[in-house]
N, C-alpha and C. Protein backbone atom coordinates (compact mmCIF):
# COMPACT_ATOMS: atom_id res chain seq x y z
N MET A 1 15.60 -7.14 -0.36
CA MET A 1 14.73 -6.74 -1.86
C MET A 1 16.65 -6.49 -3.11
N THR A 2 15.26 -6.41 -3.51
CA THR A 2 15.93 -6.78 -4.97
C THR A 2 15.49 -5.98 -5.68
N PHE A 3 15.32 -6.15 -7.91
CA PHE A 3 14.96 -6.02 -8.59
C PHE A 3 14.20 -7.01 -9.79
N ALA A 4 12.98 -6.87 -10.15
CA ALA A 4 12.73 -8.28 -11.00
C ALA A 4 11.29 -7.31 -12.18
N PRO A 5 11.21 -7.53 -13.22
CA PRO A 5 9.96 -7.85 -14.16
C PRO A 5 9.49 -7.55 -12.80
N GLY A 6 8.14 -6.58 -13.48
CA GLY A 6 7.38 -5.86 -12.94
C GLY A 6 5.81 -6.11 -13.59
N LYS A 7 5.23 -4.72 -13.15
CA LYS A 7 3.48 -5.13 -13.90
C LYS A 7 3.90 -3.52 -15.03
N VAL A 8 4.26 -2.39 -14.43
CA VAL A 8 5.25 -2.46 -15.66
C VAL A 8 6.87 -1.61 -14.92
N GLU A 9 7.29 -1.91 -16.08
CA GLU A 9 9.30 -1.90 -15.96
C GLU A 9 9.38 -2.87 -14.80
N THR A 10 10.15 -2.32 -14.02
CA THR A 10 10.66 -3.02 -13.05
C THR A 10 10.37 -2.85 -11.19
N ALA A 11 10.12 -4.07 -11.14
CA ALA A 11 9.03 -3.64 -9.58
C ALA A 11 10.40 -4.21 -8.56
N PHE A 12 9.91 -3.62 -7.35
CA PHE A 12 10.73 -3.86 -6.08
C PHE A 12 10.69 -5.39 -5.60
N SER A 13 11.17 -7.03 -6.34
CA SER A 13 10.87 -7.37 -5.08
C SER A 13 11.57 -7.79 -3.51
N PHE A 14 10.68 -8.92 -2.64
CA PHE A 14 11.11 -8.68 -1.49
C PHE A 14 10.55 -9.92 -1.14
N ASP A 15 11.95 -10.64 -0.86
CA ASP A 15 11.58 -12.50 -0.23
C ASP A 15 11.19 -12.58 0.70
N GLY A 16 10.13 -11.51 1.66
CA GLY A 16 9.32 -11.67 2.72
C GLY A 16 10.23 -13.13 4.20
N LEU A 17 11.68 -11.97 4.23
CA LEU A 17 11.77 -13.96 5.49
C LEU A 17 12.29 -12.89 6.42
N ASP A 18 12.23 -12.73 7.47
CA ASP A 18 11.83 -12.27 8.67
C ASP A 18 14.52 -12.20 9.71
N THR A 19 14.82 -13.19 8.81
CA THR A 19 16.30 -12.73 8.44
C THR A 19 17.17 -11.89 9.26
N GLY A 20 16.40 -11.16 8.65
CA GLY A 20 17.58 -9.14 9.81
C GLY A 20 16.05 -8.63 9.94
N GLN A 21 16.27 -8.21 10.78
CA GLN A 21 15.33 -7.07 10.87
C GLN A 21 15.87 -5.95 12.21
N ASN A 22 14.93 -4.54 12.77
CA ASN A 22 15.66 -3.87 13.73
C ASN A 22 15.15 -4.53 15.31
N ARG A 23 15.46 -3.57 15.70
CA ARG A 23 14.61 -3.47 16.96
C ARG A 23 13.58 -3.31 17.62
N GLU A 24 12.80 -2.74 16.27
CA GLU A 24 11.13 -2.43 16.08
C GLU A 24 10.70 -3.47 14.64
N GLY A 25 11.43 -4.38 14.58
CA GLY A 25 10.47 -5.99 14.12
C GLY A 25 11.02 -5.66 12.47
N GLU A 26 10.97 -4.35 12.14
CA GLU A 26 11.07 -4.47 11.27
C GLU A 26 12.26 -4.88 10.43
N SER A 27 11.56 -5.66 8.41
CA SER A 27 12.45 -7.10 7.53
C SER A 27 13.80 -5.04 7.54
N PHE A 28 15.05 -5.36 7.07
CA PHE A 28 15.98 -4.79 6.72
C PHE A 28 16.01 -4.73 5.41
N ASP A 29 14.91 -5.63 5.09
CA ASP A 29 14.27 -5.62 2.88
C ASP A 29 13.46 -4.84 2.91
N ALA A 30 12.81 -3.50 3.49
CA ALA A 30 11.89 -3.04 3.53
C ALA A 30 12.87 -2.02 2.94
N VAL A 31 12.00 -1.44 1.80
CA VAL A 31 12.04 0.58 1.22
C VAL A 31 12.15 1.54 1.63
N ARG A 32 12.69 1.87 2.93
CA ARG A 32 13.33 2.98 4.03
C ARG A 32 12.92 4.56 2.69
N VAL A 33 11.36 5.26 3.08
CA VAL A 33 12.02 7.12 2.91
C VAL A 33 11.10 7.84 3.79
N PRO A 34 12.66 7.55 4.86
CA PRO A 34 13.76 8.86 5.80
C PRO A 34 12.50 10.04 6.29
N GLY A 35 12.17 10.26 7.40
CA GLY A 35 10.54 11.53 8.10
C GLY A 35 9.02 11.90 6.66
N PHE A 36 9.22 10.51 5.05
CA PHE A 36 8.01 11.06 5.03
C PHE A 36 6.49 11.37 6.08
N GLY A 37 6.58 10.05 6.78
CA GLY A 37 5.48 10.75 7.99
C GLY A 37 5.00 12.67 8.47
N MET A 38 6.27 13.12 7.76
CA MET A 38 6.00 14.75 7.80
C MET A 38 5.21 15.95 6.43
N SER A 39 5.58 14.58 5.81
CA SER A 39 4.12 15.33 3.89
C SER A 39 3.90 14.32 3.89
N LEU A 40 2.94 13.21 4.83
CA LEU A 40 2.40 12.75 4.18
C LEU A 40 0.80 13.53 4.09
N PRO A 41 0.08 12.97 3.21
CA PRO A 41 -0.26 14.00 3.20
C PRO A 41 -1.45 13.64 4.22
N SER A 42 -2.67 14.96 5.04
CA SER A 42 -2.77 14.55 6.35
C SER A 42 -4.75 14.20 6.38
N SER A 43 -5.39 14.76 5.48
CA SER A 43 -7.56 14.71 5.72
C SER A 43 -7.55 14.20 3.97
N GLU A 44 -6.83 14.43 3.55
CA GLU A 44 -7.54 12.69 1.90
C GLU A 44 -6.23 13.12 1.41
N ILE A 45 -6.19 11.49 0.73
CA ILE A 45 -5.15 10.85 0.86
C ILE A 45 -6.02 9.32 -0.19
N THR A 46 -4.76 8.43 -0.84
CA THR A 46 -4.82 8.41 -1.63
C THR A 46 -3.10 7.37 -1.86
N ILE A 47 -3.57 5.95 -1.52
CA ILE A 47 -2.10 5.73 -1.94
C ILE A 47 -2.80 4.37 -2.64
N GLU A 48 -1.55 4.27 -3.64
CA GLU A 48 -1.87 2.70 -4.77
C GLU A 48 -0.45 2.39 -5.32
N PHE A 49 -0.75 0.86 -5.39
CA PHE A 49 -0.49 0.41 -6.34
C PHE A 49 -0.44 -1.16 -6.81
N TRP A 50 0.70 -1.43 -7.07
CA TRP A 50 0.03 -2.90 -8.15
C TRP A 50 0.88 -3.93 -6.80
N GLN A 51 0.67 -5.07 -6.48
CA GLN A 51 1.57 -5.76 -5.90
C GLN A 51 1.37 -7.88 -6.56
N LYS A 52 2.17 -8.65 -6.81
CA LYS A 52 1.95 -9.42 -6.52
C LYS A 52 1.96 -10.18 -5.78
N ALA A 53 2.05 -10.84 -4.49
CA ALA A 53 1.80 -11.52 -3.33
C ALA A 53 2.18 -12.48 -2.97
N GLU A 54 2.83 -13.70 -2.81
CA GLU A 54 3.36 -14.37 -2.17
C GLU A 54 2.54 -15.48 -1.67
N ARG A 55 1.94 -15.36 -0.28
CA ARG A 55 1.30 -15.27 1.19
C ARG A 55 0.40 -14.79 1.84
N VAL A 56 0.13 -15.54 2.13
CA VAL A 56 -0.62 -14.76 3.56
C VAL A 56 -0.14 -15.27 4.30
N HIS A 57 0.66 -13.99 5.04
CA HIS A 57 1.37 -13.98 6.93
C HIS A 57 1.15 -12.20 7.49
N VAL A 58 2.79 -12.59 8.15
CA VAL A 58 1.92 -10.68 8.59
C VAL A 58 2.73 -9.66 7.86
N GLN A 59 3.08 -9.39 6.72
CA GLN A 59 3.61 -8.49 6.06
C GLN A 59 2.73 -7.41 5.91
N GLN A 60 3.36 -5.56 5.00
CA GLN A 60 2.63 -4.88 4.93
C GLN A 60 3.35 -4.56 3.70
N SER A 61 1.90 -3.49 2.62
CA SER A 61 3.21 -3.91 1.30
C SER A 61 3.72 -2.21 1.30
N VAL A 62 2.54 -1.24 1.88
CA VAL A 62 3.25 0.23 2.77
C VAL A 62 2.83 0.85 3.75
N SER A 63 3.76 1.57 4.62
CA SER A 63 2.79 1.35 6.00
C SER A 63 4.48 2.71 6.59
N LEU A 64 4.00 2.75 7.49
CA LEU A 64 4.98 3.96 8.59
C LEU A 64 5.48 3.31 9.90
N SER A 65 7.20 3.75 9.53
CA SER A 65 7.54 3.05 10.97
C SER A 65 7.78 4.41 12.24
N PRO A 66 8.24 3.61 12.50
CA PRO A 66 8.06 2.86 14.05
C PRO A 66 6.59 3.09 13.61
N TYR A 67 5.46 2.11 14.47
CA TYR A 67 4.45 1.52 13.83
C TYR A 67 3.82 2.30 15.38
N ASP A 68 2.50 2.97 15.52
CA ASP A 68 2.29 3.57 16.70
C ASP A 68 0.44 3.88 16.39
N PHE A 69 -0.37 3.38 16.79
CA PHE A 69 -1.63 3.89 16.52
C PHE A 69 -2.40 5.12 16.36
N THR A 70 -1.99 6.05 17.02
CA THR A 70 -2.28 7.88 17.21
C THR A 70 -1.89 8.16 15.02
N HIS A 71 -0.61 8.37 15.33
CA HIS A 71 -0.37 8.68 13.50
C HIS A 71 0.11 7.34 12.83
N VAL A 72 -0.72 6.38 12.12
CA VAL A 72 -0.41 5.40 11.45
C VAL A 72 -0.78 5.26 10.27
N CYS A 73 -0.10 4.96 9.87
CA CYS A 73 -0.45 4.68 8.30
C CYS A 73 -0.18 3.62 7.62
N ARG A 74 -0.87 2.01 7.02
CA ARG A 74 -0.98 0.88 6.72
C ARG A 74 -1.93 0.33 5.44
N CYS A 75 -1.67 -0.17 4.91
CA CYS A 75 -2.06 -0.86 3.38
C CYS A 75 -1.39 -2.29 3.64
N ILE A 76 -1.99 -3.01 3.45
CA ILE A 76 -1.71 -5.10 3.94
C ILE A 76 -2.64 -5.60 3.57
N ALA A 77 -2.14 -6.08 2.79
CA ALA A 77 -2.61 -7.04 1.01
C ALA A 77 -2.09 -8.56 0.49
N PRO A 78 -1.71 -9.33 2.22
CA PRO A 78 -2.95 -9.54 2.63
C PRO A 78 -2.57 -9.94 4.01
N TYR A 79 -3.67 -9.68 5.14
CA TYR A 79 -2.10 -9.73 6.10
C TYR A 79 -2.55 -11.68 6.16
N ASN A 80 -2.40 -11.57 8.17
CA ASN A 80 -1.67 -13.29 8.09
C ASN A 80 -3.14 -14.22 8.04
N ASP A 81 -4.81 -13.15 8.35
CA ASP A 81 -5.93 -13.98 8.90
C ASP A 81 -7.04 -13.44 7.01
N GLY A 82 -6.02 -13.72 5.92
CA GLY A 82 -6.14 -12.73 5.04
C GLY A 82 -6.85 -12.29 4.26
N LYS A 83 -7.16 -11.03 5.13
CA LYS A 83 -8.32 -9.46 5.28
C LYS A 83 -7.22 -9.05 4.36
N VAL A 84 -7.80 -8.05 3.98
CA VAL A 84 -6.45 -7.59 3.40
C VAL A 84 -7.02 -6.22 4.04
N VAL A 85 -6.30 -5.05 4.24
CA VAL A 85 -6.49 -3.49 6.13
C VAL A 85 -6.02 -2.27 5.54
N PHE A 86 -6.42 -1.16 6.04
CA PHE A 86 -6.39 0.17 5.48
C PHE A 86 -6.55 0.82 7.09
N ASP A 87 -5.21 0.94 7.15
CA ASP A 87 -4.73 2.25 8.42
C ASP A 87 -5.06 3.18 8.69
N PHE A 88 -5.33 4.22 9.10
CA PHE A 88 -5.04 5.74 8.54
C PHE A 88 -5.25 6.22 8.99
N GLY A 89 -4.62 7.28 10.29
CA GLY A 89 -4.97 9.07 11.73
C GLY A 89 -4.63 7.95 12.52
N ASN A 90 -6.44 7.32 12.93
CA ASN A 90 -6.19 6.45 14.44
C ASN A 90 -6.68 5.17 14.15
N ASN A 91 -6.18 4.01 14.51
CA ASN A 91 -6.82 2.92 13.87
C ASN A 91 -7.31 2.66 15.21
N HIS A 92 -7.44 3.17 17.19
CA HIS A 92 -7.95 2.67 17.49
C HIS A 92 -9.62 3.67 17.38
N THR A 93 -9.67 4.52 16.59
CA THR A 93 -10.67 4.75 16.35
C THR A 93 -11.62 4.94 15.48
N GLU A 94 -11.65 5.67 14.36
CA GLU A 94 -12.37 5.19 13.01
C GLU A 94 -11.88 5.72 12.37
N GLY A 95 -10.42 5.48 12.20
CA GLY A 95 -9.06 5.32 11.58
C GLY A 95 -8.95 3.38 10.88
N GLN A 96 -9.45 2.52 10.45
CA GLN A 96 -9.45 1.62 10.00
C GLN A 96 -9.94 1.41 8.79
N LEU A 97 -9.95 0.45 8.27
CA LEU A 97 -11.05 -0.25 7.85
C LEU A 97 -10.70 -1.46 6.81
N SER A 98 -11.48 -2.99 6.96
CA SER A 98 -10.83 -3.99 6.52
C SER A 98 -11.68 -5.05 5.49
N TYR A 99 -10.99 -5.96 4.98
CA TYR A 99 -12.66 -6.95 4.06
C TYR A 99 -11.44 -8.06 4.54
N THR A 100 -12.45 -9.13 3.21
CA THR A 100 -11.41 -10.80 2.98
C THR A 100 -11.46 -10.80 1.92
N PRO A 101 -11.08 -10.22 0.58
CA PRO A 101 -11.54 -10.43 -0.42
C PRO A 101 -11.86 -11.77 -1.43
N PRO A 102 -12.81 -11.26 -1.55
CA PRO A 102 -13.61 -12.48 -2.95
C PRO A 102 -13.08 -13.61 -3.69
N VAL A 103 -11.89 -13.51 -3.76
CA VAL A 103 -10.89 -14.75 -4.66
C VAL A 103 -9.68 -14.04 -3.83
N SER A 104 -8.86 -15.35 -4.35
CA SER A 104 -7.43 -15.29 -3.96
C SER A 104 -7.20 -14.42 -4.54
N ILE A 105 -6.01 -13.03 -3.34
CA ILE A 105 -5.41 -12.97 -4.01
C ILE A 105 -3.24 -12.88 -4.18
N LEU A 106 -3.50 -13.98 -4.51
CA LEU A 106 -1.65 -14.47 -4.46
C LEU A 106 -1.12 -14.75 -5.77
N GLY A 107 -0.54 -14.97 -5.54
CA GLY A 107 0.02 -15.59 -6.76
C GLY A 107 -0.30 -14.52 -8.40
N SER A 108 -0.67 -14.13 -8.38
CA SER A 108 -1.48 -13.30 -9.26
C SER A 108 -1.27 -11.18 -8.80
N TRP A 109 -0.60 -10.14 -10.89
CA TRP A 109 -0.90 -9.20 -10.23
C TRP A 109 -2.05 -8.70 -9.94
N GLN A 110 -2.33 -7.72 -8.50
CA GLN A 110 -3.50 -6.86 -8.03
C GLN A 110 -3.34 -5.42 -7.73
N HIS A 111 -3.93 -4.23 -8.47
CA HIS A 111 -4.31 -3.79 -8.27
C HIS A 111 -4.59 -2.83 -7.32
N PHE A 112 -3.81 -1.87 -6.29
CA PHE A 112 -4.64 -1.74 -4.60
C PHE A 112 -4.88 -0.46 -4.93
N VAL A 113 -6.11 0.16 -4.40
CA VAL A 113 -5.66 2.01 -4.20
C VAL A 113 -6.64 1.71 -2.67
N PHE A 114 -5.43 2.54 -2.03
CA PHE A 114 -6.63 2.83 -1.06
C PHE A 114 -6.64 4.25 -0.35
N VAL A 115 -8.37 4.40 -0.04
CA VAL A 115 -8.33 6.32 -0.32
C VAL A 115 -9.54 6.67 1.84
N ALA A 116 -9.06 7.79 2.05
CA ALA A 116 -9.53 7.97 2.77
C ALA A 116 -9.53 9.51 2.59
N SER A 117 -10.89 10.25 3.21
CA SER A 117 -10.91 11.64 2.70
C SER A 117 -11.62 12.14 4.57
N GLN A 118 -11.14 12.77 4.74
CA GLN A 118 -12.21 13.94 5.64
C GLN A 118 -13.61 14.73 5.27
N THR A 119 -13.10 15.54 4.09
CA THR A 119 -14.01 15.94 3.41
C THR A 119 -15.37 14.96 3.12
N GLY A 120 -14.96 13.82 2.42
CA GLY A 120 -16.31 12.49 2.24
C GLY A 120 -17.03 12.08 4.08
N ASN A 121 -15.19 12.06 4.71
CA ASN A 121 -15.72 11.11 5.78
C ASN A 121 -16.08 9.56 5.59
N PHE A 122 -14.97 8.50 5.09
CA PHE A 122 -15.21 8.01 4.39
C PHE A 122 -13.38 7.62 3.98
N MET A 123 -14.11 6.24 4.54
CA MET A 123 -12.16 5.10 3.69
C MET A 123 -12.61 4.18 2.51
N LYS A 124 -12.31 3.80 1.34
CA LYS A 124 -12.44 2.58 0.79
C LYS A 124 -11.26 2.74 0.51
N ILE A 125 -11.70 0.75 0.06
CA ILE A 125 -10.36 0.28 -1.28
C ILE A 125 -10.95 -0.34 -1.99
N TYR A 126 -10.50 -0.16 -2.99
CA TYR A 126 -10.23 -0.79 -3.90
C TYR A 126 -10.08 -1.92 -4.76
N ARG A 127 -9.82 -3.03 -5.27
CA ARG A 127 -9.15 -4.14 -5.96
C ARG A 127 -9.40 -4.29 -7.33
N ASN A 128 -7.65 -3.66 -7.69
CA ASN A 128 -8.57 -3.93 -10.08
C ASN A 128 -9.32 -2.96 -10.62
N GLY A 129 -10.12 -2.76 -9.94
CA GLY A 129 -10.45 -1.27 -10.58
C GLY A 129 -11.92 -1.03 -10.12
N ALA A 130 -12.25 -1.96 -8.63
CA ALA A 130 -13.45 -2.02 -8.26
C ALA A 130 -13.69 -1.83 -6.86
N LEU A 131 -14.28 -1.05 -6.98
CA LEU A 131 -15.24 -0.73 -4.93
C LEU A 131 -15.16 -1.67 -4.40
N GLU A 132 -14.41 -2.69 -3.03
CA GLU A 132 -14.22 -2.93 -2.51
C GLU A 132 -14.94 -3.80 -0.98
N ALA A 133 -14.23 -2.17 -0.68
CA ALA A 133 -14.69 -2.62 0.76
C ALA A 133 -15.42 -0.73 1.73
N GLN A 134 -15.63 -0.73 2.02
CA GLN A 134 -16.02 0.80 2.64
C GLN A 134 -16.82 2.00 3.56
N LYS A 135 -16.49 2.84 3.56
CA LYS A 135 -16.94 2.64 4.86
C LYS A 135 -17.03 4.71 5.62
N ILE A 136 -17.91 4.28 6.53
CA ILE A 136 -18.28 6.23 6.72
C ILE A 136 -17.98 6.79 7.23
N GLY A 137 -16.76 7.24 8.38
CA GLY A 137 -16.09 6.99 8.91
C GLY A 137 -14.03 7.68 8.88
N MET A 138 -13.62 8.12 9.23
CA MET A 138 -12.30 8.36 9.15
C MET A 138 -11.51 9.92 10.31
N THR A 139 -9.54 9.31 10.61
CA THR A 139 -9.20 10.07 11.47
C THR A 139 -8.19 10.62 10.03
N PRO A 140 -8.34 11.80 10.40
CA PRO A 140 -7.24 12.48 9.75
C PRO A 140 -6.21 11.74 10.55
N PHE A 141 -4.55 12.38 9.77
CA PHE A 141 -3.46 11.81 10.49
C PHE A 141 -2.39 13.52 10.61
N ALA A 142 -2.14 13.67 11.91
CA ALA A 142 -1.53 13.94 12.27
C ALA A 142 0.20 14.16 12.15
N ASN A 143 0.60 14.44 10.98
CA ASN A 143 2.12 14.88 10.55
C ASN A 143 2.79 14.41 11.85
N ILE A 144 3.76 13.77 11.35
CA ILE A 144 5.08 13.11 12.67
C ILE A 144 6.41 12.62 11.71
N SER A 145 7.59 12.71 11.98
CA SER A 145 8.51 12.23 10.76
C SER A 145 8.85 10.77 11.60
N TYR A 146 7.66 10.46 11.03
CA TYR A 146 8.34 8.85 10.96
C TYR A 146 8.76 7.91 9.83
N ASP A 147 8.96 7.47 9.12
CA ASP A 147 9.35 6.69 8.24
C ASP A 147 8.43 6.12 7.45
N LEU A 148 8.56 6.29 6.18
CA LEU A 148 7.61 4.71 5.05
C LEU A 148 9.02 4.18 5.02
N LEU A 149 7.88 3.27 4.35
CA LEU A 149 8.38 1.13 4.12
C LEU A 149 7.36 1.02 3.35
N LEU A 150 8.17 0.32 2.73
CA LEU A 150 7.25 0.34 0.64
C LEU A 150 8.30 -1.48 1.07
N GLY A 151 6.45 -2.83 1.27
CA GLY A 151 7.99 -4.47 0.98
C GLY A 151 7.91 -4.64 2.83
N ASP A 152 7.13 -4.08 3.41
CA ASP A 152 8.12 -4.24 5.16
C ASP A 152 7.53 -5.50 5.71
N GLY A 153 8.53 -6.63 5.64
CA GLY A 153 8.13 -8.26 5.60
C GLY A 153 7.53 -8.73 3.87
N PHE A 154 7.14 -8.06 3.75
CA PHE A 154 6.07 -8.52 2.47
C PHE A 154 6.92 -9.38 1.06
N ALA A 155 6.19 -10.75 0.86
CA ALA A 155 6.55 -12.04 0.27
C ALA A 155 5.92 -11.60 -1.68
N GLY A 156 6.78 -10.44 -1.89
CA GLY A 156 5.86 -10.64 -3.55
C GLY A 156 7.00 -9.43 -4.72
N LEU A 157 5.93 -9.36 -5.37
CA LEU A 157 6.76 -7.78 -5.43
C LEU A 157 5.62 -7.32 -5.71
N LEU A 158 7.09 -6.04 -5.44
CA LEU A 158 5.94 -4.96 -5.63
C LEU A 158 6.29 -3.14 -6.64
N ASP A 159 5.00 -2.79 -7.25
CA ASP A 159 5.53 -2.03 -8.64
C ASP A 159 4.41 -0.43 -8.66
N GLU A 160 5.37 1.14 -8.77
CA GLU A 160 4.28 1.56 -9.77
C GLU A 160 2.65 2.06 -7.72
N VAL A 161 4.40 2.72 -6.64
CA VAL A 161 3.74 2.73 -5.78
C VAL A 161 3.78 4.57 -5.91
N LYS A 162 1.93 4.92 -5.65
CA LYS A 162 1.51 6.89 -5.53
C LYS A 162 1.21 7.38 -4.70
N ILE A 163 1.13 7.86 -3.89
CA ILE A 163 0.76 8.60 -2.97
C ILE A 163 0.33 9.93 -3.73
N TYR A 164 -2.03 9.99 -3.41
CA TYR A 164 -1.81 11.02 -3.87
C TYR A 164 -2.21 12.07 -2.42
N ASN A 165 -2.00 13.53 -2.81
CA ASN A 165 -2.97 14.13 -1.77
C ASN A 165 -4.33 14.67 -1.43
N ARG A 166 -4.84 13.80 -2.41
CA ARG A 166 -6.68 13.79 -2.62
C ARG A 166 -7.03 13.00 -2.88
N ALA A 167 -8.34 12.48 -2.18
CA ALA A 167 -8.84 11.25 -2.66
C ALA A 167 -9.50 11.16 -4.16
N LEU A 168 -9.41 10.42 -4.89
CA LEU A 168 -9.32 10.12 -6.35
C LEU A 168 -10.80 9.40 -6.62
N SER A 169 -11.80 9.67 -6.92
CA SER A 169 -13.25 9.15 -8.41
C SER A 169 -12.51 7.73 -8.15
N ALA A 170 -13.98 7.26 -8.54
CA ALA A 170 -14.28 5.38 -8.93
C ALA A 170 -13.24 6.27 -10.35
N SER A 171 -13.87 6.85 -10.95
CA SER A 171 -13.99 6.77 -12.52
C SER A 171 -11.80 6.79 -12.73
N GLU A 172 -11.35 8.13 -11.51
CA GLU A 172 -9.90 8.34 -11.44
C GLU A 172 -9.99 6.68 -11.71
N ILE A 173 -10.74 6.40 -11.10
CA ILE A 173 -9.26 4.72 -10.16
C ILE A 173 -9.07 4.25 -11.58
N LEU A 174 -10.94 3.13 -11.81
CA LEU A 174 -10.64 2.83 -13.35
C LEU A 174 -9.80 2.47 -14.08
N ALA A 175 -10.12 4.10 -14.72
CA ALA A 175 -8.82 4.68 -15.56
C ALA A 175 -7.26 4.18 -15.22
N ILE A 176 -7.24 4.10 -13.74
CA ILE A 176 -5.79 4.02 -13.55
C ILE A 176 -4.95 2.44 -14.03
N TYR A 177 -6.27 2.63 -13.47
CA TYR A 177 -5.81 0.00 -13.77
C TYR A 177 -6.50 0.05 -15.57
N ASN A 178 -7.20 1.11 -15.73
CA ASN A 178 -7.58 0.43 -17.45
C ASN A 178 -6.19 0.78 -17.80
N ALA A 179 -5.85 1.94 -18.08
CA ALA A 179 -4.80 2.09 -18.52
C ALA A 179 -2.89 1.22 -18.02
N SER A 180 -3.05 0.16 -16.54
CA SER A 180 -1.95 0.04 -17.13
C SER A 180 -2.36 -1.92 -17.40
N SER A 181 -3.39 -2.37 -17.05
CA SER A 181 -3.67 -3.47 -16.50
C SER A 181 -2.90 -4.63 -17.69
N GLY A 182 -3.10 -4.41 -18.81
CA GLY A 182 -2.88 -4.85 -20.41
C GLY A 182 -1.83 -4.92 -20.33
N LYS A 183 -0.64 -4.14 -20.09
CA LYS A 183 0.71 -4.81 -19.40
C LYS A 183 0.86 -6.24 -18.33
N THR A 184 2.13 -6.31 -19.49
CA THR A 184 2.27 -7.59 -19.28
C THR A 184 2.92 -8.12 -18.50
N GLY A 185 4.18 -6.81 -18.42
CA GLY A 185 5.82 -7.00 -17.64
C GLY A 185 6.66 -6.82 -18.59
N GLU A 186 7.11 -6.68 -19.34
CA GLU A 186 7.59 -6.78 -20.55
C GLU A 186 8.79 -5.84 -19.94
N VAL A 187 9.85 -6.45 -20.26
CA VAL A 187 11.01 -4.70 -19.56
C VAL A 187 11.70 -4.69 -20.81
N ARG A 188 12.41 -3.67 -21.37
CA ARG A 188 12.65 -3.42 -22.92
C ARG A 188 14.48 -3.63 -22.72
N TRP A 189 14.42 -2.41 -21.31
CA TRP A 189 15.83 -2.29 -19.68
C TRP A 189 14.70 -1.75 -18.54
N LEU A 190 16.81 -2.55 -17.98
CA LEU A 190 15.36 -2.36 -16.75
C LEU A 190 15.87 -0.66 -15.83
N LYS A 191 15.02 0.01 -15.27
CA LYS A 191 14.64 1.06 -14.74
C LYS A 191 13.87 1.04 -13.52
N THR A 192 15.00 1.67 -12.04
CA THR A 192 14.72 1.66 -10.71
C THR A 192 13.48 1.73 -10.38
N PRO A 193 12.08 0.85 -9.73
CA PRO A 193 11.17 1.50 -9.46
C PRO A 193 11.32 2.69 -8.39
N GLN A 194 9.81 3.47 -8.64
CA GLN A 194 10.35 5.03 -8.03
C GLN A 194 9.30 5.12 -7.33
N LEU A 195 8.63 5.91 -5.99
CA LEU A 195 7.52 6.46 -5.45
C LEU A 195 7.73 7.60 -5.87
N GLN A 196 6.29 7.84 -6.23
CA GLN A 196 5.92 8.66 -6.47
C GLN A 196 4.96 9.12 -5.71
N ALA A 197 5.53 10.47 -5.29
CA ALA A 197 3.61 11.66 -4.31
C ALA A 197 3.58 12.92 -5.25
N GLU A 198 2.00 12.91 -5.73
CA GLU A 198 1.27 14.07 -5.90
C GLU A 198 -0.19 14.71 -5.32
């Protein structure tokens, strides 16, 4: 992992090569936040980020490690079949939502927002301020001391990763997209990207 000009100041840059992996098959290139699964919101969550993916393959923009389908949180855009996938809680029951984007998401900046709400009983995926996929049903996340990974196997740039402890509304998501969509990535100074949890 290195740094590069991002959508907003500086982004994480990942090569997506599987030349260095640990015994769980995770890329050594990923950014790891140890034990974050204990702090991850369990019933109301929004995960938001900008990314510029280079190719379709097995990659995860944001995920928990190790993979455990009963304690899962993964934002994948795109997977090796071209789909965008959101896993939260238990992805063998109600905790998965996936779709194929209507246009290519490769090679250009894309703003993704993944939302799950136990109160509203839904999962949603927004791209560039617009709702692109939704479903009724979700499974709450049972907190466990797993690590948060940014860019596991990912090829491209990842910027402005934020995790909220509530389900953002459509108007809030559109406002966030509009506030940063006009930024072109010019960097006046290099600043290390940060993970922000709210």
